[in-house]
Protein backbone atom coordinates (compact mmCIF):
# COMPACT_ATOMS: atom_id res chain seq x y z
CA MET A 1 182.57 308.21 173.94
CA ASP A 2 181.34 307.83 169.93
CA ILE A 3 178.29 306.66 169.57
CA PHE A 4 178.26 303.60 167.63
CA GLU A 5 180.93 302.55 170.85
CA ARG A 6 177.89 303.29 173.77
CA ILE A 7 175.59 301.43 171.53
CA GLN A 8 177.96 298.16 171.77
CA LEU A 9 178.16 299.04 175.20
CA ASP A 10 174.78 299.46 175.82
CA ASN A 11 171.47 297.91 174.00
CA GLY A 12 169.39 298.76 175.59
CA PRO A 13 166.83 296.91 178.62
CA ILE A 14 165.51 294.53 175.97
CA GLY A 15 168.35 294.73 173.52
CA LYS A 16 170.60 293.64 175.42
CA LEU A 17 168.86 290.37 175.85
CA GLN A 18 168.23 289.13 172.23
CA ASN A 19 170.35 286.91 172.09
CA LYS A 20 168.14 285.17 174.14
CA ILE A 21 164.54 286.17 173.17
CA GLU A 22 164.80 286.93 169.73
CA GLY A 23 162.43 284.51 168.13
CA LYS A 24 161.18 283.22 171.03
CA PHE A 25 159.27 286.34 172.18
CA ALA A 26 160.97 288.97 170.79
CA PHE A 27 160.35 288.49 167.02
CA PRO A 28 159.11 285.29 166.72
CA LYS A 29 158.23 284.16 163.03
CA PHE A 30 154.66 282.59 162.65
CA ASP A 31 153.03 280.72 159.26
CA GLY A 32 149.70 280.56 158.33
CA LYS A 33 147.17 282.26 158.50
CA ILE A 34 146.14 284.70 161.07
CA SER A 35 143.89 282.29 163.10
CA ASN A 36 143.78 281.34 166.43
CA HIS A 37 146.00 278.40 165.06
CA VAL A 38 149.59 279.33 163.92
CA PHE A 39 152.87 277.62 163.16
CA LEU A 40 155.70 278.30 165.03
CA ASN A 41 158.83 276.61 164.31
CA ASN A 42 156.56 273.89 162.24
CA LYS A 43 154.18 273.34 165.73
CA LYS A 44 151.62 274.31 165.41
CA ILE A 45 150.53 276.75 168.13
CA ILE A 46 147.08 277.94 169.68
CA CYS A 47 147.99 282.11 169.66
CA TRP A 48 146.62 284.87 172.09
CA SER A 49 149.01 287.52 170.81
CA TYR A 50 146.99 288.94 167.25
CA ASN A 51 144.93 292.22 167.97
CA ASN A 52 142.78 290.20 165.18
CA TYR A 53 139.50 290.82 167.08
CA LEU A 54 136.91 290.05 165.25
CA GLY A 55 138.77 287.21 162.43
CA LEU A 56 139.10 290.06 159.99
CA ALA A 57 142.00 288.64 159.14
CA VAL A 58 141.18 285.58 157.53
CA SER A 59 137.74 287.33 156.37
CA ASP A 60 137.60 285.79 152.70
CA GLU A 61 135.65 288.84 151.90
CA ILE A 62 138.50 290.77 152.46
CA HIS A 63 140.69 289.26 150.89
CA LYS A 64 138.57 289.71 147.79
CA ILE A 65 138.51 292.73 148.51
CA ASP A 66 141.60 293.56 149.15
CA ALA A 67 142.97 291.88 146.14
CA PHE A 68 140.22 293.89 143.61
CA SER A 69 141.48 297.11 144.64
CA GLN A 70 145.45 296.39 144.51
CA GLN A 71 144.44 294.50 140.54
CA LYS A 72 142.80 298.32 139.99
CA TRP A 73 145.50 301.03 141.08
CA GLY A 74 147.95 299.04 142.62
CA LEU A 75 150.40 300.61 145.61
CA THR A 76 151.48 303.75 143.87
CA TYR A 77 148.61 305.72 143.46
CA PRO A 78 148.35 308.50 144.70
CA MET A 79 151.79 309.69 144.51
CA GLY A 80 152.26 312.66 146.97
CA SER A 81 151.23 314.45 150.65
CA ARG A 82 147.82 314.46 150.30
CA MET A 83 148.00 318.18 150.21
CA MET A 84 150.11 318.35 146.82
CA THR A 85 149.01 315.72 144.96
CA GLY A 86 147.41 312.83 146.33
CA ASP A 87 143.82 313.99 148.13
CA THR A 88 141.41 311.35 145.90
CA GLU A 89 137.38 311.21 146.80
CA LEU A 90 137.72 308.20 148.17
CA HIS A 91 139.90 309.40 151.56
CA ASP A 92 136.82 311.83 151.71
CA GLU A 93 134.66 308.98 151.23
CA PHE A 94 135.94 307.22 153.98
CA GLU A 95 136.15 310.14 156.48
CA ASN A 96 132.63 311.41 156.16
CA LYS A 97 131.35 307.46 156.79
CA ILE A 98 133.31 307.21 159.47
CA ALA A 99 132.72 310.83 161.01
CA ASP A 100 129.17 309.48 161.03
CA PHE A 101 129.82 305.96 162.11
CA ILE A 102 131.34 307.48 165.33
CA ASN A 103 128.99 310.85 166.13
CA MET A 104 131.96 313.09 165.12
CA GLY A 105 132.25 316.29 163.38
CA LYS A 106 134.54 315.05 161.15
CA ALA A 107 137.93 313.00 160.73
CA LEU A 108 141.02 313.30 159.16
CA LEU A 109 142.64 309.70 157.92
CA LEU A 110 146.24 309.81 159.15
CA ASN A 111 148.58 307.55 158.01
CA PHE A 112 149.56 305.35 160.62
CA GLY A 113 148.77 305.51 164.16
CA TYR A 114 151.73 306.13 166.13
CA GLN A 115 152.74 308.61 164.06
CA GLY A 116 149.51 310.01 164.09
CA ILE A 117 148.59 310.40 167.54
CA LEU A 118 152.49 312.14 168.40
CA SER A 119 151.44 315.18 165.81
CA VAL A 120 148.40 315.27 166.60
CA ILE A 121 149.71 316.05 170.53
CA ASP A 122 152.60 318.39 169.06
CA SER A 123 150.70 319.90 166.91
CA LEU A 124 147.79 320.62 169.39
CA LEU A 125 149.71 322.61 172.41
CA THR A 126 152.29 324.94 172.61
CA PRO A 127 154.60 325.98 175.49
CA ASN A 128 152.31 328.07 178.20
CA ASP A 129 149.94 324.39 177.63
CA VAL A 130 149.61 322.11 180.13
CA VAL A 131 149.12 318.41 179.79
CA ILE A 132 148.56 315.41 181.28
CA SER A 133 147.69 312.32 180.91
CA ASP A 134 146.83 308.63 182.55
CA ALA A 135 150.32 306.22 183.73
CA GLN A 136 149.35 303.96 181.56
CA CYS A 137 148.53 305.91 177.84
CA HIS A 138 150.74 304.18 174.78
CA ALA A 139 154.06 304.72 174.05
CA CYS A 140 152.71 306.66 171.25
CA ILE A 141 151.53 309.33 173.36
CA ILE A 142 153.88 309.51 175.81
CA ASP A 143 156.23 310.22 172.97
CA GLY A 144 154.02 312.68 171.66
CA ILE A 145 154.28 314.66 174.85
CA ARG A 146 157.58 314.10 174.88
CA LEU A 147 157.40 317.17 172.30
CA HIS A 148 155.69 319.15 174.27
CA LYS A 149 157.81 321.69 175.49
CA GLY A 150 155.27 323.05 178.62
CA GLU A 151 154.39 321.06 181.61
CA ARG A 152 153.47 317.42 181.52
CA LEU A 153 151.47 315.81 184.56
CA ILE A 154 151.44 312.40 184.54
CA PHE A 155 148.38 310.96 187.21
CA ASP A 156 148.13 307.84 188.56
CA HIS A 157 146.05 304.91 186.60
CA ASN A 158 142.68 305.25 186.51
CA ASN A 159 142.89 307.75 189.57
CA ILE A 160 140.42 310.12 189.17
CA VAL A 161 141.38 311.97 192.70
CA ASP A 162 144.99 311.71 191.40
CA LEU A 163 143.49 313.50 187.89
CA GLU A 164 141.76 316.21 189.82
CA GLN A 165 145.05 317.27 192.18
CA LYS A 166 146.69 317.29 188.78
CA LEU A 167 144.23 319.29 187.06
CA LYS A 168 144.33 322.17 190.56
CA ILE A 169 148.06 322.15 189.32
CA ALA A 170 147.07 322.88 185.92
CA GLN A 171 144.47 325.31 186.73
CA GLU A 172 146.96 327.75 188.67
CA ILE A 173 149.84 326.99 186.12
CA VAL A 174 147.28 328.17 183.42
CA GLU A 175 146.19 331.16 185.19
CA LYS A 176 149.87 332.32 185.12
CA SER A 177 150.70 331.69 181.70
CA ASN A 178 148.03 332.05 180.20
CA GLY A 179 147.55 328.31 178.55
CA GLY A 180 144.84 325.61 178.18
CA ILE A 181 145.04 322.17 179.66
CA LEU A 182 144.33 319.14 177.95
CA VAL A 183 144.17 314.75 179.34
CA ILE A 184 144.72 312.43 177.57
CA THR A 185 143.71 308.94 178.13
CA GLU A 186 142.63 305.48 176.81
CA GLY A 187 139.33 303.64 176.31
CA VAL A 188 140.56 299.85 176.56
CA PHE A 189 144.72 299.80 177.97
CA SER A 190 146.40 297.35 175.69
CA MET A 191 148.51 296.66 178.82
CA SER A 192 146.13 296.51 182.22
CA GLY A 193 143.03 295.16 179.89
CA GLU A 194 141.08 297.60 182.14
CA LEU A 195 138.74 300.32 180.74
CA GLY A 196 139.20 304.27 180.88
CA LYS A 197 137.60 305.90 183.27
CA LEU A 198 135.69 308.49 180.41
CA LYS A 199 132.84 309.36 182.30
CA GLU A 200 134.18 310.15 185.34
CA ILE A 201 137.03 312.35 183.42
CA CYS A 202 134.16 314.28 181.87
CA ALA A 203 132.34 314.94 184.47
CA LEU A 204 135.14 317.01 185.90
CA LYS A 205 134.88 319.12 182.61
CA SER A 206 132.15 320.96 185.32
CA LYS A 207 135.05 322.34 188.02
CA PHE A 208 137.67 322.14 185.52
CA ASN A 209 138.02 323.74 182.35
CA PHE A 210 139.49 321.64 179.49
CA ARG A 211 139.78 319.33 176.29
CA PHE A 212 140.48 315.74 176.83
CA LEU A 213 141.68 313.31 173.69
CA VAL A 214 141.02 309.91 174.26
CA ASP A 215 142.92 307.20 172.45
CA ASP A 216 140.49 304.30 171.45
CA ALA A 217 143.06 301.99 169.59
CA HIS A 218 141.65 298.86 171.43
CA GLY A 219 138.34 299.80 171.60
CA PHE A 220 136.99 301.28 168.19
CA GLY A 221 135.17 297.47 166.21
CA VAL A 222 134.12 296.25 169.22
CA MET A 223 132.90 298.00 172.14
CA GLY A 224 129.41 299.76 171.03
CA SER A 225 125.99 298.12 169.66
CA GLN A 226 128.32 298.23 165.92
CA GLY A 227 131.36 298.60 167.43
CA ASN A 228 131.86 302.57 167.41
CA GLY A 229 134.28 302.09 169.55
CA THR A 230 134.20 302.68 173.26
CA VAL A 231 133.27 306.49 173.38
CA CYS A 232 129.95 306.60 172.12
CA ALA A 233 129.47 303.42 174.23
CA LEU A 234 129.26 305.24 176.92
CA ASP A 235 127.20 307.88 175.25
CA LEU A 236 130.21 310.39 175.55
CA GLU A 237 130.26 312.19 171.88
CA GLU A 238 128.93 314.97 173.12
CA LYS A 239 131.13 315.48 175.84
CA VAL A 240 134.96 314.06 174.76
CA ASP A 241 136.47 316.72 172.65
CA LEU A 242 139.04 314.62 170.67
CA TYR A 243 138.60 310.78 169.06
CA PHE A 244 141.76 308.66 167.84
CA THR A 245 141.31 305.53 166.87
CA THR A 246 144.10 303.10 164.33
CA PHE A 247 142.65 300.55 162.25
CA THR A 248 145.80 297.86 163.16
CA LYS A 249 143.44 295.68 165.66
CA SER A 250 139.53 295.36 164.77
CA MET A 251 140.23 296.75 160.76
CA ALA A 252 142.62 293.89 160.28
CA SER A 253 144.24 297.12 157.69
CA PHE A 254 146.46 299.83 159.02
CA GLY A 255 145.78 303.74 158.89
CA ALA A 256 144.51 305.94 161.71
CA ILE A 257 141.80 308.67 162.25
CA ILE A 258 141.27 311.81 164.35
CA ALA A 259 138.13 312.78 164.98
CA GLY A 260 136.23 316.50 166.38
CA GLU A 261 134.35 319.46 165.68
CA LYS A 262 134.94 320.08 162.11
CA GLU A 263 136.61 323.48 162.93
CA ILE A 264 139.76 321.92 165.01
CA ILE A 265 140.03 318.46 162.24
CA ASN A 266 140.33 321.59 159.79
CA TYR A 267 143.41 323.15 161.77
CA PHE A 268 145.02 319.44 161.91
CA LYS A 269 144.29 318.76 157.95
CA TYR A 270 146.72 321.78 158.10
CA ASN A 271 149.26 321.30 160.37
CA LEU A 272 149.71 318.10 160.76
CA ARG A 273 153.46 317.16 160.34
CA SER A 274 153.04 314.08 159.98
CA GLN A 275 150.52 314.02 157.40
CA ILE A 276 151.60 317.29 154.99
CA PHE A 277 155.30 315.87 154.93
CA SER A 278 154.54 311.84 154.15
CA LYS A 279 152.51 309.94 150.68
CA SER A 280 149.70 309.50 150.91
CA LEU A 281 147.29 306.10 151.75
CA PRO A 282 147.34 304.04 148.83
CA MET A 283 143.95 304.12 147.00
CA PRO A 284 143.78 299.98 147.95
CA VAL A 285 144.48 300.77 151.71
CA VAL A 286 141.56 303.23 151.56
CA TYR A 287 139.06 301.69 149.51
CA GLY A 288 139.54 298.36 151.51
CA LEU A 289 138.89 300.83 154.89
CA ILE A 290 135.41 302.25 153.09
CA LYS A 291 134.58 297.80 152.18
CA ARG A 292 135.56 297.11 156.15
CA LEU A 293 133.68 300.03 157.64
CA GLU A 294 130.45 298.11 156.66
CA ILE A 295 132.00 295.20 157.60
CA VAL A 296 132.00 296.19 161.08
CA LYS A 297 129.17 297.30 161.22
CA ASN A 298 127.91 294.08 160.31
CA ALA A 299 129.59 292.06 162.52
CA THR A 300 127.61 291.74 165.37
CA GLU A 301 128.62 287.86 165.63
CA ASN A 302 132.26 287.76 165.41
CA ARG A 303 131.11 290.92 168.29
CA THR A 304 129.28 287.75 171.04
CA LYS A 305 131.74 285.25 170.29
CA LEU A 306 134.51 287.94 171.46
CA PHE A 307 133.00 288.21 174.84
CA GLU A 308 131.82 284.35 175.21
CA ILE A 309 135.21 282.97 174.23
CA THR A 310 136.71 286.54 176.67
CA THR A 311 134.73 285.13 179.54
CA LEU A 312 135.47 281.56 179.67
CA LEU A 313 139.02 282.21 179.28
CA GLN A 314 138.94 285.33 182.48
CA ASN A 315 136.43 282.81 184.27
CA GLY A 316 138.83 280.27 184.75
CA LEU A 317 141.43 282.41 185.32
CA ARG A 318 139.62 283.87 187.94
CA GLU A 319 139.05 280.44 189.42
CA ARG A 320 142.40 279.96 189.60
CA LYS A 321 143.61 283.86 190.89
CA LEU A 322 145.92 284.58 188.11
CA LEU A 323 143.59 287.46 186.48
CA SER A 324 142.59 290.88 188.60
CA ASP A 325 139.00 291.71 189.13
CA LYS A 326 140.03 294.86 187.67
CA VAL A 327 140.21 293.81 184.26
CA ASN A 328 136.47 294.78 181.80
CA SER A 329 138.30 294.29 178.69
CA TYR A 330 139.17 291.37 176.51
CA ILE A 331 142.61 292.21 176.74
CA THR A 332 144.00 290.00 179.87
CA PRO A 333 147.02 290.37 181.36
CA VAL A 334 148.38 287.56 184.18
CA TYR A 335 150.95 289.15 186.69
CA PHE A 336 154.48 287.47 187.77
CA ASN A 337 156.67 288.66 189.37
CA ILE A 338 159.30 286.08 188.59
CA LYS A 339 163.13 286.42 187.61
CA LEU A 340 163.68 286.94 183.80
CA GLU A 341 165.87 283.27 183.07
CA ASP A 342 162.32 282.35 184.75
CA VAL A 343 160.20 283.92 182.14
CA LEU A 344 162.20 282.12 179.32
CA ILE A 345 161.37 278.50 180.64
CA VAL A 346 157.54 278.72 180.72
CA GLN A 347 157.50 280.17 177.59
CA THR A 348 159.22 276.98 176.23
CA GLU A 349 157.53 274.89 177.72
CA LEU A 350 153.76 276.53 176.72
CA VAL A 351 155.50 276.71 173.08
CA TYR A 352 156.79 273.44 172.66
CA ASN A 353 155.37 270.88 175.73
CA HIS A 354 152.00 272.48 175.02
CA GLY A 355 151.24 274.46 171.75
CA ILE A 356 150.77 277.85 173.24
CA TYR A 357 151.84 281.54 172.32
CA CYS A 358 150.93 283.95 174.41
CA SER A 359 152.60 287.45 174.03
CA ILE A 360 155.30 288.51 176.94
CA VAL A 361 155.84 291.82 178.31
CA ILE A 362 159.25 293.03 180.80
CA TYR A 363 160.64 295.83 181.37
CA PRO A 364 161.02 298.87 180.77
CA VAL A 365 157.22 298.45 179.16
CA VAL A 366 156.11 297.32 182.83
CA PRO A 367 158.52 297.81 186.35
CA LYS A 368 161.36 295.47 187.00
CA GLY A 369 160.00 292.13 188.33
CA VAL A 370 156.93 291.96 187.33
CA VAL A 371 156.43 289.77 183.43
CA ILE A 372 152.94 290.14 182.01
CA PHE A 373 151.79 287.14 179.92
CA ARG A 374 149.15 288.67 177.75
CA LEU A 375 146.35 286.38 175.98
CA THR A 376 144.52 288.96 173.56
CA ALA A 377 140.92 286.64 172.35
CA THR A 378 139.49 286.69 168.97
CA SER A 379 136.25 285.96 167.93
CA LEU A 380 137.99 282.66 166.09
CA HIS A 381 139.13 280.97 169.30
CA THR A 382 136.82 278.11 170.85
CA GLN A 383 136.34 276.79 174.18
CA GLU A 384 138.70 274.14 173.12
CA ASP A 385 141.18 276.68 172.68
CA VAL A 386 140.19 277.92 177.07
CA ASN A 387 139.73 274.73 177.78
CA HIS A 388 143.81 273.68 176.86
CA THR A 389 145.38 276.94 177.44
CA LEU A 390 143.79 276.70 181.31
CA ALA A 391 145.22 273.54 181.77
CA SER A 392 148.43 274.16 180.37
CA PHE A 393 149.14 277.42 182.74
CA ASP A 394 148.00 274.69 185.81
CA ASP A 395 151.27 272.31 184.84
CA VAL A 396 152.80 274.77 183.33
CA PHE A 397 152.52 277.60 186.20
CA LYS A 398 152.14 275.97 189.73
CA LYS A 399 154.97 276.74 190.78
CA TYR A 400 154.61 280.26 190.35
CA ILE A 401 151.05 280.87 191.93
CA LYS A 402 150.64 281.33 195.60
C-alpha cells in the first residue's frame, strides 16, 4: 500500500479525532500572558494546563533578561554544533553552576529534553545490556528504549517488588551476555502525580549491580530546599548515577542537562548524536538559563505558594473523591471512566459555562476508556481560582461521580 494512502486510512488513535478535538483540547490557541488566567476564543478562563510551576514565564525580571540578551547577541550566535564552532564560555559557566547546584560532578547542556534523553539512552547501551524502566516513564524515555537492540524490561509503576523480579531476570541475562543493567525512572511522574520510588530503587543497589538514571523534568525547580530537584531533596546524589532534567517547566525556557560523574559526562560530550549533529543553543538562551538559575535558587516564596495552592486544590478534590491518595506532588490528575464523546461535552461545559481549562489525557497515553483531567497548579493560582474550579467540578462532573 502507498504510504500516504495508509495514513489517510488511519490517522492514529488521536489523529482520527482531529475534527472533533482540534482547538478544544488539542491545539488550543491561548491568548494573553502565560499566567493563571488566559483567553481562549476571546473568553477569559482559569488555566490549569501550564507547567509554569514557579510563575516565571510571566516575570518582568525574566522578560528584561531575555530582552537584554536578545539585543546583545541575537539568535544566530554561536553558529554550528557545539563541538565544531558553537562552544562559548557561557555554556561552560552554566554547566559548572548547575552541576554545583544539583551536587553532581559534571553537567552537559543539551539542546532539547526529548532528543537529549533519547540520545543519552542510545549512547549508553550496547546490545549486551539490559534496560529496565518504570511503566509510566515519559514518551521520550520509551522512544530511547526503542532504539536499544538488547533486552528491554518494564516494571509495574512504582512497584519495587516487580522491579526486583525484573532485576533478577536482567542479572541472569547479563551474566551470559557480559553486559550491564540500566534502571530508569522519574522524580515526579507527569501523569500520575506521584513521586518516583528513588530511595527504594537506590536500596536495591546493595543486592544488584546496576546503574540508575532519574528523569527529573517535573521535579527540578520545585523539589528540594532551593529547587535543586528530587534527588537532592532525598539526599541521593551519591547513589543516583545519572540525573536528567529539562528547563521547559520551572525555568520557563528550553534545553536540558545530563549530569553525573565527570568521566561519564565527558563520554556523552563526544558521543551524543543529538548534540554532535545539531546547532548549539543560542547565546540568549544560555545567558537566560544562568540568570534563571539564580532566580530559582531564591524562589522560596514561589515554591511555598505553589504547595499552598496544591494543598487547597487537592484537599478539595479528595473531599469529592476525585483524587487518588497516591498523588503526592503538585501534578493533580482526576481520573474518569467515561466515553470519549462525553469528554467533549465536559470540556465544552468547563470552558464555556465555567471558564475552566485543564489538560485532557486520552488513549494511547492512558488505557482505553480512561480519561485524565489533569490540573497543574502554579504559584500564580489563587484560593479564588481553586474555589471556582471545585464548584465547577461539582456541577459538571456530578453525573460521573459514583
